[in-house]
C-alpha atoms as a PDB file:
ATOM      1  CA  MET A   1      37.320  19.374  27.917  1.00  0.00           C
ATOM      2  CA  GLN A   2      34.345  17.092  27.246  1.00  0.00           C
ATOM      3  CA  LEU A   3      35.184  13.701  25.827  1.00  0.00           C
ATOM      4  CA  LYS A   4      33.043  12.170  23.083  1.00  0.00           C
ATOM      5  CA  PRO A   5      31.713   8.653  23.682  1.00  0.00           C
ATOM      6  CA  SER A   6      33.840   5.986  22.012  1.00  0.00           C
ATOM      7  CA  ASN A   7      30.719   4.360  20.536  1.00  0.00           C
ATOM      8  CA  PRO A   8      28.606   6.860  18.524  1.00  0.00           C
ATOM      9  CA  MET A   9      25.461   4.825  19.190  1.00  0.00           C
ATOM     10  CA  SER A  10      25.891   5.278  22.936  1.00  0.00           C
ATOM     11  CA  ALA A  11      24.936   8.917  22.496  1.00  0.00           C
ATOM     12  CA  LEU A  12      21.447   7.751  21.599  1.00  0.00           C
ATOM     13  CA  GLY A  13      21.118   5.854  24.841  1.00  0.00           C
ATOM     14  CA  ASP A  14      21.006   2.128  25.475  1.00  0.00           C
ATOM     15  CA  ARG A  15      17.408   1.014  25.057  1.00  0.00           C
ATOM     16  CA  SER A  16      18.169  -2.606  24.216  1.00  0.00           C
ATOM     17  CA  THR A  17      16.589  -3.783  27.468  1.00  0.00           C
ATOM     18  CA  ALA A  18      13.320  -2.087  26.464  1.00  0.00           C
ATOM     19  CA  ARG A  19      13.001  -3.853  23.125  1.00  0.00           C
ATOM     20  CA  HIS A  20      12.737  -7.432  21.968  1.00  0.00           C
ATOM     21  CA  GLN A  21      11.790  -9.305  18.805  1.00  0.00           C
ATOM     22  CA  VAL A  22       8.964 -11.833  18.547  1.00  0.00           C
ATOM     23  CA  LEU A  23       7.007 -13.664  15.878  1.00  0.00           C
ATOM     24  CA  ALA A  24       3.502 -12.252  15.658  1.00  0.00           C
ATOM     25  CA  THR A  25       0.679 -11.352  13.318  1.00  0.00           C
ATOM     26  CA  VAL A  26       0.060  -7.625  12.899  1.00  0.00           C
ATOM     27  CA  LEU A  27      -3.454  -6.473  11.988  1.00  0.00           C
ATOM     28  CA  PHE A  28      -4.680  -3.062  10.888  1.00  0.00           C
ATOM     29  CA  ALA A  29      -8.426  -2.336  10.727  1.00  0.00           C
ATOM     30  CA  ASP A  30      -9.571   0.948   9.200  1.00  0.00           C
ATOM     31  CA  ILE A  31     -13.071   2.458   9.245  1.00  0.00           C
ATOM     32  CA  CYS A  32     -14.212   3.204   5.694  1.00  0.00           C
ATOM     33  CA  GLY A  33     -15.742   6.569   4.843  1.00  0.00           C
ATOM     34  CA  SER A  34     -15.036   8.201   8.190  1.00  0.00           C
ATOM     35  CA  THR A  35     -14.772  11.636   6.536  1.00  0.00           C
ATOM     36  CA  ARG A  36     -18.371  11.333   5.340  1.00  0.00           C
ATOM     37  CA  LEU A  37     -19.430  10.485   8.883  1.00  0.00           C
ATOM     38  CA  PHE A  38     -18.223  13.866  10.108  1.00  0.00           C
ATOM     39  CA  GLU A  39     -19.822  15.670   7.177  1.00  0.00           C
ATOM     40  CA  LYS A  40     -23.183  13.969   7.679  1.00  0.00           C
ATOM     41  CA  HIS A  41     -23.445  13.666  11.459  1.00  0.00           C
ATOM     42  CA  GLY A  42     -21.207  16.423  12.805  1.00  0.00           C
ATOM     43  CA  ASP A  43     -18.064  16.139  14.866  1.00  0.00           C
ATOM     44  CA  TRP A  44     -19.519  14.977  18.184  1.00  0.00           C
ATOM     45  CA  GLN A  45     -21.852  12.275  16.868  1.00  0.00           C
ATOM     46  CA  ALA A  46     -19.330  11.061  14.284  1.00  0.00           C
ATOM     47  CA  ARG A  47     -16.711  10.672  16.985  1.00  0.00           C
ATOM     48  CA  GLN A  48     -19.197   8.690  19.076  1.00  0.00           C
ATOM     49  CA  ILE A  49     -19.808   6.382  16.129  1.00  0.00           C
ATOM     50  CA  GLU A  50     -16.073   5.930  15.535  1.00  0.00           C
ATOM     51  CA  SER A  51     -15.542   5.147  19.214  1.00  0.00           C
ATOM     52  CA  ARG A  52     -18.287   2.523  19.073  1.00  0.00           C
ATOM     53  CA  VAL A  53     -16.656   0.836  16.066  1.00  0.00           C
ATOM     54  CA  LEU A  54     -13.184   0.938  17.615  1.00  0.00           C
ATOM     55  CA  ASP A  55     -14.559  -0.559  20.845  1.00  0.00           C
ATOM     56  CA  LEU A  56     -16.040  -3.453  18.865  1.00  0.00           C
ATOM     57  CA  LEU A  57     -12.740  -4.017  17.042  1.00  0.00           C
ATOM     58  CA  ALA A  58     -10.822  -3.931  20.328  1.00  0.00           C
ATOM     59  CA  ALA A  59     -13.239  -6.410  21.932  1.00  0.00           C
ATOM     60  CA  ARG A  60     -12.796  -8.884  19.077  1.00  0.00           C
ATOM     61  CA  THR A  61      -9.020  -8.449  19.362  1.00  0.00           C
ATOM     62  CA  VAL A  62      -9.046  -9.446  23.032  1.00  0.00           C
ATOM     63  CA  GLU A  63     -11.539 -12.264  22.388  1.00  0.00           C
ATOM     64  CA  PHE A  64      -9.027 -13.939  20.065  1.00  0.00           C
ATOM     65  CA  ASP A  65      -5.988 -13.542  22.346  1.00  0.00           C
ATOM     66  CA  GLY A  66      -4.754 -10.372  20.683  1.00  0.00           C
ATOM     67  CA  ALA A  67      -3.587  -7.078  22.115  1.00  0.00           C
ATOM     68  CA  VAL A  68      -4.511  -3.607  20.924  1.00  0.00           C
ATOM     69  CA  ILE A  69      -1.262  -1.746  20.283  1.00  0.00           C
ATOM     70  CA  LYS A  70      -2.777   1.641  19.467  1.00  0.00           C
ATOM     71  CA  THR A  71      -5.571   3.482  17.730  1.00  0.00           C
ATOM     72  CA  ILE A  72      -4.694   6.104  15.121  1.00  0.00           C
ATOM     73  CA  GLY A  73      -7.723   8.241  14.307  1.00  0.00           C
ATOM     74  CA  ASP A  74     -10.159   5.826  12.670  1.00  0.00           C
ATOM     75  CA  GLU A  75      -7.716   2.898  12.583  1.00  0.00           C
ATOM     76  CA  ILE A  76      -6.743   0.232  15.094  1.00  0.00           C
ATOM     77  CA  MET A  77      -3.466  -1.702  15.194  1.00  0.00           C
ATOM     78  CA  SER A  78      -3.416  -5.075  16.947  1.00  0.00           C
ATOM     79  CA  ARG A  79      -0.956  -7.889  17.579  1.00  0.00           C
ATOM     80  CA  PHE A  80      -1.825 -11.597  17.670  1.00  0.00           C
ATOM     81  CA  PRO A  81       0.243 -14.651  18.631  1.00  0.00           C
ATOM     82  CA  ASN A  82      -0.380 -16.362  15.294  1.00  0.00           C
ATOM     83  CA  ALA A  83      -2.071 -15.974  11.914  1.00  0.00           C
ATOM     84  CA  GLU A  84      -5.044 -18.191  12.787  1.00  0.00           C
ATOM     85  CA  ARG A  85      -6.112 -16.065  15.751  1.00  0.00           C
ATOM     86  CA  ALA A  86      -5.670 -12.892  13.707  1.00  0.00           C
ATOM     87  CA  VAL A  87      -7.768 -14.139  10.779  1.00  0.00           C
ATOM     88  CA  ARG A  88     -10.540 -15.423  13.034  1.00  0.00           C
ATOM     89  CA  ALA A  89     -10.530 -12.077  14.833  1.00  0.00           C
ATOM     90  CA  ALA A  90     -10.704 -10.241  11.496  1.00  0.00           C
ATOM     91  CA  CYS A  91     -13.757 -12.258  10.433  1.00  0.00           C
ATOM     92  CA  ALA A  92     -15.382 -11.588  13.809  1.00  0.00           C
ATOM     93  CA  MET A  93     -14.639  -7.872  13.481  1.00  0.00           C
ATOM     94  CA  HIS A  94     -16.522  -7.630  10.196  1.00  0.00           C
ATOM     95  CA  ALA A  95     -19.444  -9.612  11.603  1.00  0.00           C
ATOM     96  CA  ALA A  96     -19.564  -7.468  14.758  1.00  0.00           C
ATOM     97  CA  ILE A  97     -19.871  -4.258  12.724  1.00  0.00           C
ATOM     98  CA  LYS A  98     -22.651  -5.698  10.576  1.00  0.00           C
ATOM     99  CA  ASP A  99     -24.586  -7.188  13.520  1.00  0.00           C
ATOM    100  CA  ASP A 100     -24.355  -4.329  16.015  1.00  0.00           C
ATOM    101  CA  PRO A 101     -27.848  -2.829  16.555  1.00  0.00           C
ATOM    102  CA  ALA A 102     -26.467   0.666  17.101  1.00  0.00           C
ATOM    103  CA  LEU A 103     -24.722   0.633  13.717  1.00  0.00           C
ATOM    104  CA  LEU A 104     -27.267  -1.190  11.527  1.00  0.00           C
ATOM    105  CA  GLU A 105     -28.773   1.899   9.900  1.00  0.00           C
ATOM    106  CA  LEU A 106     -25.405   3.534   9.274  1.00  0.00           C
ATOM    107  CA  ASN A 107     -24.216   0.887   6.781  1.00  0.00           C
ATOM    108  CA  LEU A 108     -20.657   1.127   8.086  1.00  0.00           C
ATOM    109  CA  ALA A 109     -17.767  -1.044   6.939  1.00  0.00           C
ATOM    110  CA  VAL A 110     -14.140  -1.595   7.836  1.00  0.00           C
ATOM    111  CA  LYS A 111     -11.205  -2.852   5.819  1.00  0.00           C
ATOM    112  CA  ILE A 112      -8.541  -5.091   7.303  1.00  0.00           C
ATOM    113  CA  GLY A 113      -4.957  -5.955   6.407  1.00  0.00           C
ATOM    114  CA  LEU A 114      -2.668  -8.349   8.241  1.00  0.00           C
ATOM    115  CA  GLN A 115       0.741 -10.021   8.027  1.00  0.00           C
ATOM    116  CA  HIS A 116       2.647 -12.599  10.079  1.00  0.00           C
ATOM    117  CA  GLY A 117       6.353 -12.286  10.727  1.00  0.00           C
ATOM    118  CA  PRO A 118       9.043 -11.017  13.095  1.00  0.00           C
ATOM    119  CA  VAL A 119       8.278  -7.719  14.819  1.00  0.00           C
ATOM    120  CA  LEU A 120      10.296  -5.526  17.130  1.00  0.00           C
ATOM    121  CA  VAL A 121       8.439  -4.655  20.327  1.00  0.00           C
ATOM    122  CA  GLU A 122       9.550  -1.350  21.786  1.00  0.00           C
ATOM    123  CA  GLN A 123       7.807   0.776  24.395  1.00  0.00           C
ATOM    124  CA  ASP A 124       4.373  -0.713  23.703  1.00  0.00           C
ATOM    125  CA  ASP A 125       4.732  -0.194  19.957  1.00  0.00           C
ATOM    126  CA  LEU A 126       5.629  -2.469  17.036  1.00  0.00           C
ATOM    127  CA  PHE A 127       8.164  -2.003  14.268  1.00  0.00           C
ATOM    128  CA  GLY A 128       9.535  -4.084  11.434  1.00  0.00           C
ATOM    129  CA  ASP A 129       8.785  -5.753   8.136  1.00  0.00           C
ATOM    130  CA  ALA A 130       5.528  -7.411   9.211  1.00  0.00           C
ATOM    131  CA  VAL A 131       4.181  -4.028  10.352  1.00  0.00           C
ATOM    132  CA  ASN A 132       5.043  -2.399   7.023  1.00  0.00           C
ATOM    133  CA  VAL A 133       3.496  -5.223   4.996  1.00  0.00           C
ATOM    134  CA  ALA A 134       0.320  -5.254   7.133  1.00  0.00           C
ATOM    135  CA  ALA A 135      -0.034  -1.504   6.593  1.00  0.00           C
ATOM    136  CA  ARG A 136       0.327  -2.053   2.838  1.00  0.00           C
ATOM    137  CA  MET A 137      -2.313  -4.814   2.955  1.00  0.00           C
ATOM    138  CA  VAL A 138      -4.913  -2.559   4.593  1.00  0.00           C
ATOM    139  CA  SER A 139      -4.183   0.133   1.995  1.00  0.00           C
ATOM    140  CA  LEU A 140      -4.958  -2.419  -0.740  1.00  0.00           C
ATOM    141  CA  ALA A 141      -8.157  -3.592   0.955  1.00  0.00           C
ATOM    142  CA  LYS A 142     -11.602  -2.286   0.116  1.00  0.00           C
ATOM    143  CA  ALA A 143     -14.659  -2.048   2.351  1.00  0.00           C
ATOM    144  CA  ASP A 144     -15.593  -5.400   3.962  1.00  0.00           C
ATOM    145  CA  GLN A 145     -12.346  -7.042   2.821  1.00  0.00           C
ATOM    146  CA  ILE A 146      -9.570  -8.876   4.657  1.00  0.00           C
ATOM    147  CA  ILE A 147      -6.303  -8.757   2.713  1.00  0.00           C
ATOM    148  CA  THR A 148      -3.074 -10.589   3.497  1.00  0.00           C
ATOM    149  CA  THR A 149      -0.236 -12.395   1.704  1.00  0.00           C
ATOM    150  CA  ARG A 150       0.230 -15.967   0.510  1.00  0.00           C
ATOM    151  CA  GLU A 151       3.037 -16.251   3.058  1.00  0.00           C
ATOM    152  CA  THR A 152       0.601 -15.613   5.908  1.00  0.00           C
ATOM    153  CA  VAL A 153      -2.060 -17.907   4.432  1.00  0.00           C
ATOM    154  CA  GLY A 154       0.532 -20.687   4.469  1.00  0.00           C
ATOM    155  CA  ARG A 155       0.434 -20.523   8.267  1.00  0.00           C
ATOM    156  CA  LEU A 156      -3.332 -21.009   8.496  1.00  0.00           C
ATOM    157  CA  PRO A 157      -5.124 -24.296   9.260  1.00  0.00           C
ATOM    158  CA  ARG A 158      -6.770 -25.963   6.300  1.00  0.00           C
ATOM    159  CA  ASP A 159     -10.300 -24.716   6.997  1.00  0.00           C
ATOM    160  CA  LEU A 160      -9.203 -21.082   6.969  1.00  0.00           C
ATOM    161  CA  ALA A 161      -6.777 -21.485   4.061  1.00  0.00           C
ATOM    162  CA  GLN A 162      -9.679 -22.774   1.963  1.00  0.00           C
ATOM    163  CA  MET A 163     -11.564 -19.523   2.663  1.00  0.00           C
ATOM    164  CA  THR A 164      -9.142 -17.484   0.539  1.00  0.00           C
ATOM    165  CA  ARG A 165      -8.685 -16.423  -3.058  1.00  0.00           C
ATOM    166  CA  GLY A 166      -5.643 -14.989  -4.798  1.00  0.00           C
ATOM    167  CA  LEU A 167      -5.743 -11.414  -6.080  1.00  0.00           C
ATOM    168  CA  GLY A 168      -2.502 -11.382  -8.035  1.00  0.00           C
ATOM    169  CA  ARG A 169       0.838  -9.857  -7.122  1.00  0.00           C
ATOM    170  CA  SER A 170       1.878  -6.436  -5.912  1.00  0.00           C
ATOM    171  CA  TRP A 171       5.084  -4.600  -5.046  1.00  0.00           C
ATOM    172  CA  VAL A 172       5.456  -3.639  -1.410  1.00  0.00           C
ATOM    173  CA  ARG A 173       7.899  -0.951  -0.351  1.00  0.00           C
ATOM    174  CA  GLY A 174      11.023  -2.470   1.167  1.00  0.00           C
ATOM    175  CA  LYS A 175      10.494  -5.901  -0.443  1.00  0.00           C
ATOM    176  CA  GLN A 176      12.748  -6.973  -3.290  1.00  0.00           C
ATOM    177  CA  ASP A 177      10.181  -9.245  -4.936  1.00  0.00           C
ATOM    178  CA  GLU A 178       6.465  -8.937  -5.541  1.00  0.00           C
ATOM    179  CA  LEU A 179       4.148 -10.456  -2.942  1.00  0.00           C
ATOM    180  CA  GLU A 180       1.134 -12.576  -3.796  1.00  0.00           C
ATOM    181  CA  ILE A 181      -1.932 -10.819  -2.411  1.00  0.00           C
ATOM    182  CA  VAL A 182      -4.762 -12.923  -0.972  1.00  0.00           C
ATOM    183  CA  GLU A 183      -8.277 -12.111   0.204  1.00  0.00           C
ATOM    184  CA  VAL A 184      -9.827 -13.975   3.128  1.00  0.00           C
ATOM    185  CA  ILE A 185     -13.498 -14.663   2.390  1.00  0.00           C
ATOM    186  CA  TRP A 186     -15.489 -14.183   5.584  1.00  0.00           C
ATOM    187  CA  GLN A 187     -18.964 -13.952   3.987  1.00  0.00           C
ATOM    188  CA  GLU A 188     -20.994 -16.443   1.969  1.00  0.00           C
ATOM    189  CA  SER A 189     -19.118 -16.938  -1.288  1.00  0.00           C
ATOM    190  CA  ALA A 190     -22.030 -17.703  -3.641  1.00  0.00           C
ATOM    191  CA  ASN A 191     -22.178 -14.164  -5.000  1.00  0.00           C
ATOM    192  CA  LEU A 192     -18.427 -13.586  -5.176  1.00  0.00           C
ATOM    193  CA  THR A 193     -16.717 -13.165  -8.508  1.00  0.00           C
ATOM    194  CA  GLN A 194     -14.525 -16.153  -9.257  1.00  0.00           C
ATOM    195  CA  MET A 195     -10.849 -15.416  -9.837  1.00  0.00           C
ATOM    196  CA  VAL A 196      -8.747 -16.868 -12.621  1.00  0.00           C
ATOM    197  CA  SER A 197      -6.018 -19.258 -11.551  1.00  0.00           C
ATOM    198  CA  ILE A 198      -2.515 -18.095 -10.634  1.00  0.00           C
ATOM    199  CA  GLY A 199      -1.215 -19.680 -13.842  1.00  0.00           C
ATOM    200  CA  GLN A 200      -3.757 -17.754 -15.909  1.00  0.00           C
ATOM    201  CA  GLN A 201      -2.844 -14.555 -14.078  1.00  0.00           C
ATOM    202  CA  GLU A 202       0.809 -15.057 -14.961  1.00  0.00           C
ATOM    203  CA  GLU A 203      -0.068 -15.566 -18.630  1.00  0.00           C
ATOM    204  CA  LEU A 204      -2.075 -12.349 -18.589  1.00  0.00           C
ATOM    205  CA  ARG A 205       0.791 -10.498 -16.940  1.00  0.00           C
ATOM    206  CA  LYS A 206       3.117 -11.557 -19.739  1.00  0.00           C
ATOM    207  CA  LEU A 207       0.860  -9.742 -22.167  1.00  0.00           C
ATOM    208  CA  LEU A 208       1.423  -6.523 -20.236  1.00  0.00           C
ATOM    209  CA  PHE A 209       4.541  -4.367 -20.264  1.00  0.00           C
ATOM    210  CA  ALA A 210       7.756  -5.879 -18.942  1.00  0.00           C
ATOM    211  CA  ARG A 211      10.081  -2.931 -19.617  1.00  0.00           C
ATOM    212  CA  LEU A 212       9.920   0.828 -20.038  1.00  0.00           C
ATOM    213  CA  ILE A 213      12.447   2.615 -22.263  1.00  0.00           C
ATOM    214  CA  LEU A 214      13.124   6.314 -21.682  1.00  0.00           C
ATOM    215  CA  GLU A 215      15.096   8.503 -24.095  1.00  0.00           C
ATOM    216  CA  TYR A 216      16.447  11.831 -22.825  1.00  0.00           C
ATOM    217  CA  HIS A 217      19.172  14.072 -24.279  1.00  0.00           C
ATOM    218  CA  GLY A 218      20.290  11.280 -26.590  1.00  0.00           C
ATOM    219  CA  ALA A 219      20.697   8.747 -23.757  1.00  0.00           C
ATOM    220  CA  THR A 220      18.543   5.660 -23.291  1.00  0.00           C
ATOM    221  CA  VAL A 221      17.435   4.431 -19.864  1.00  0.00           C
ATOM    222  CA  GLU A 222      15.671   1.132 -19.280  1.00  0.00           C
ATOM    223  CA  VAL A 223      13.260   0.994 -16.340  1.00  0.00           C
ATOM    224  CA  ALA A 224      12.808  -2.620 -15.282  1.00  0.00           C
ATOM    225  CA  PRO A 225       9.983  -3.952 -13.058  1.00  0.00           C
ATOM    226  CA  SER A 226      10.960  -3.208  -9.479  1.00  0.00           C
ATOM    227  CA  ALA A 227       9.526  -2.302  -6.104  1.00  0.00           C
ATOM    228  CA  GLN A 228      11.775   0.778  -6.199  1.00  0.00           C
ATOM    229  CA  ALA A 229      10.224   3.811  -7.870  1.00  0.00           C
ATOM    230  CA  PHE A 230      12.113   5.518 -10.708  1.00  0.00           C
ATOM    231  CA  THR A 231      12.313   9.209  -9.811  1.00  0.00           C
ATOM    232  CA  LEU A 232      12.300  12.293 -12.044  1.00  0.00           C
ATOM    233  CA  GLY A 233      12.940  15.893 -11.048  1.00  0.00           C
ATOM    234  CA  ARG A 234      15.322  18.801 -10.676  1.00  0.00           C
ATOM    235  CA  GLY A 235      17.066  17.438  -7.587  1.00  0.00           C
ATOM    236  CA  ASP A 236      20.406  15.755  -8.278  1.00  0.00           C
ATOM    237  CA  ARG A 237      19.397  12.622  -6.381  1.00  0.00           C
ATOM    238  CA  ASN A 238      16.725  11.683  -8.917  1.00  0.00           C
ATOM    239  CA  ASN A 239      17.229   8.781 -11.307  1.00  0.00           C
ATOM    240  CA  LEU A 240      16.539  11.184 -14.173  1.00  0.00           C
ATOM    241  CA  VAL A 241      17.506  14.808 -13.554  1.00  0.00           C
ATOM    242  CA  VAL A 242      15.723  17.535 -15.548  1.00  0.00           C
ATOM    243  CA  ASP A 243      17.295  20.821 -14.465  1.00  0.00           C
ATOM    244  CA  ARG A 244      14.706  23.452 -15.387  1.00  0.00           C
ATOM    245  CA  GLU A 245      13.004  26.156 -13.323  1.00  0.00           C
ATOM    246  CA  LEU A 246       9.482  24.820 -13.878  1.00  0.00           C
ATOM    247  CA  VAL A 247      10.495  21.328 -12.732  1.00  0.00           C
ATOM    248  CA  SER A 248      10.071  20.453  -9.050  1.00  0.00           C
ATOM    249  CA  ARG A 249      12.940  18.912  -7.109  1.00  0.00           C
ATOM    250  CA  SER A 250      10.943  15.699  -6.696  1.00  0.00           C
ATOM    251  CA  HIS A 251       8.651  16.078  -9.666  1.00  0.00           C
ATOM    252  CA  ALA A 252       7.317  12.589 -10.419  1.00  0.00           C
ATOM    253  CA  ASP A 253       7.871   8.873  -9.905  1.00  0.00           C
ATOM    254  CA  ILE A 254       7.352   5.928 -12.216  1.00  0.00           C
ATOM    255  CA  GLU A 255       6.119   2.899 -10.290  1.00  0.00           C
ATOM    256  CA  PHE A 256       5.571  -0.668 -11.504  1.00  0.00           C
ATOM    257  CA  ARG A 257       2.278  -2.191 -10.348  1.00  0.00           C
ATOM    258  CA  GLN A 258       0.344  -5.201 -11.563  1.00  0.00           C
ATOM    259  CA  GLY A 259       2.337  -5.422 -14.778  1.00  0.00           C
ATOM    260  CA  LYS A 260       1.988  -1.721 -15.628  1.00  0.00           C
ATOM    261  CA  PHE A 261       4.185   1.365 -15.335  1.00  0.00           C
ATOM    262  CA  ILE A 262       2.398   4.180 -13.505  1.00  0.00           C
ATOM    263  CA  LEU A 263       3.549   7.815 -13.623  1.00  0.00           C
ATOM    264  CA  VAL A 264       2.803   9.497 -10.273  1.00  0.00           C
ATOM    265  CA  ASP A 265       3.062  13.293 -10.259  1.00  0.00           C
ATOM    266  CA  HIS A 266       4.059  15.136  -7.049  1.00  0.00           C
ATOM    267  CA  SER A 267       4.888  18.488  -8.602  1.00  0.00           C
ATOM    268  CA  THR A 268       3.804  22.112  -8.440  1.00  0.00           C
ATOM    269  CA  ASN A 269       3.383  22.618 -12.196  1.00  0.00           C
ATOM    270  CA  GLY A 270       2.274  19.141 -13.250  1.00  0.00           C
ATOM    271  CA  THR A 271       3.366  16.722 -15.959  1.00  0.00           C
ATOM    272  CA  TYR A 272       2.260  16.825 -19.603  1.00  0.00           C
ATOM    273  CA  LEU A 273       2.023  13.797 -21.860  1.00  0.00           C
ATOM    274  CA  LEU A 274       1.645  13.412 -25.618  1.00  0.00           C
ATOM    275  CA  LEU A 275       0.735   9.904 -26.769  1.00  0.00           C
ATOM    276  CA  GLU A 276       1.685   8.342 -30.081  1.00  0.00           C
ATOM    277  CA  ASN A 277      -1.942   8.583 -31.247  1.00  0.00           C
ATOM    278  CA  GLY A 278      -1.968  12.355 -30.676  1.00  0.00           C
ATOM    279  CA  ALA A 279      -3.885  12.356 -27.397  1.00  0.00           C
ATOM    280  CA  ARG A 280      -2.670  14.866 -24.810  1.00  0.00           C
ATOM    281  CA  PHE A 281      -2.944  14.554 -21.029  1.00  0.00           C
ATOM    282  CA  PHE A 282      -2.080  16.708 -18.037  1.00  0.00           C
ATOM    283  CA  VAL A 283      -1.570  15.208 -14.590  1.00  0.00           C
ATOM    284  CA  ARG A 284      -0.869  17.071 -11.371  1.00  0.00           C
ATOM    285  CA  ARG A 285      -0.860  15.313  -8.012  1.00  0.00           C
ATOM    286  CA  GLU A 286      -2.416  12.279  -9.704  1.00  0.00           C
ATOM    287  CA  GLU A 287      -1.470   9.157 -11.652  1.00  0.00           C
ATOM    288  CA  PHE A 288      -1.311   8.103 -15.289  1.00  0.00           C
ATOM    289  CA  THR A 289      -0.754   4.627 -16.712  1.00  0.00           C
ATOM    290  CA  LEU A 290       1.920   4.679 -19.407  1.00  0.00           C
ATOM    291  CA  HIS A 291       1.213   2.563 -22.483  1.00  0.00           C
ATOM    292  CA  ASP A 292       2.485   2.182 -26.051  1.00  0.00           C
ATOM    293  CA  ARG A 293       4.707   5.183 -26.890  1.00  0.00           C
ATOM    294  CA  GLY A 294       4.694   8.882 -26.236  1.00  0.00           C
ATOM    295  CA  ALA A 295       6.468  11.893 -24.771  1.00  0.00           C
ATOM    296  CA  ILE A 296       6.643  13.288 -21.251  1.00  0.00           C
ATOM    297  CA  CYS A 297       7.379  16.916 -20.389  1.00  0.00           C
ATOM    298  CA  LEU A 298       7.835  18.083 -16.804  1.00  0.00           C
ATOM    299  CA  GLY A 299       6.322  21.404 -15.822  1.00  0.00           C
ATOM    300  CA  GLN A 300       5.150  22.630 -19.230  1.00  0.00           C
ATOM    301  CA  ALA A 301       3.199  21.508 -22.291  1.00  0.00           C
ATOM    302  CA  VAL A 302       4.807  19.063 -24.704  1.00  0.00           C
ATOM    303  CA  SER A 303       6.553  20.641 -27.662  1.00  0.00           C
ATOM    304  CA  GLU A 304       8.459  18.663 -30.274  1.00  0.00           C
ATOM    305  CA  GLN A 305      11.184  21.325 -30.199  1.00  0.00           C
ATOM    306  CA  ASP A 306      11.648  21.041 -26.428  1.00  0.00           C
ATOM    307  CA  PRO A 307      15.206  19.796 -25.721  1.00  0.00           C
ATOM    308  CA  ASP A 308      14.065  18.369 -22.378  1.00  0.00           C
ATOM    309  CA  LEU A 309      11.399  16.133 -23.866  1.00  0.00           C
ATOM    310  CA  ILE A 310      11.411  12.623 -22.398  1.00  0.00           C
ATOM    311  CA  ARG A 311      10.319  10.008 -24.922  1.00  0.00           C
ATOM    312  CA  TYR A 312       9.037   6.689 -23.626  1.00  0.00           C
ATOM    313  CA  SER A 313       8.064   3.323 -25.040  1.00  0.00           C
ATOM    314  CA  CYS A 314       6.525   0.376 -23.210  1.00  0.00           C
ATOM    315  CA  VAL A 315       7.984  -2.936 -24.387  1.00  0.00           C
ATOM    316  CA  SER A 316       6.031  -6.141 -23.839  1.00  0.00           C
ATOM    317  CA  ALA A 317       7.614  -9.402 -22.790  1.00  0.00           C
END
């Protein structure tokens, strides 16, 4: 007879000696428009161009005491000992791409996101909250931008902290509260659009929707601002279950971003909306910003006689 281990976790193996936690700054740099490179230049030449860019990013990482953790397609992930070295490396990365003679005519750009915090180092890879937030920051960044959080900026020396501007707040998956998003300005700032103050941003946010009310089968559900998406679909684990054949198991989510409720469709048959003013919309595998009042129907066109109609109203603060 084979005995089971007394500790269930022991069946997974003891890898504690191969992992440790440190404070570090995680940086992601992503080449913009890489798909167009392959369409325009062909696979071989496009890959050569990508390799050139990644080599430049890796060189700037090492120059500022960082370590390249891995490259993922057209993206590089690096680790730095502190936020200052990471931000200076990020600025140097952008400059290197713009100044490289081999890339001048290609008009290439990268976008960069970074975050400082505790990370778990395991088998030459990184895990943890700082990694997740840094990945979210690069997804928010546009070409030629460096995006981070106010928390990370607070760890910068004065000269670098003064080279930043706030971009408002955003929900990040896994975080209970919104994070203040900040751009690091690495170019001359004379032509940059000036941002309103944080206080003014908060006043503007109060004019937007603070709550979403859903009415379904005679019941009322209030969706409050949260980093957690409100889910709709046929599956019984959804926040709102609509058990119909045309409804997908995970049909749609409602997310709260920048003071607005966004309906995100993931379904096979799409989501139909009828607004209070009579306008009709159909979304499938795309997003729609909910505003004022209206009706939502999953999987088929909105009909006033439909018993599975979901009525919504956005309520301001």
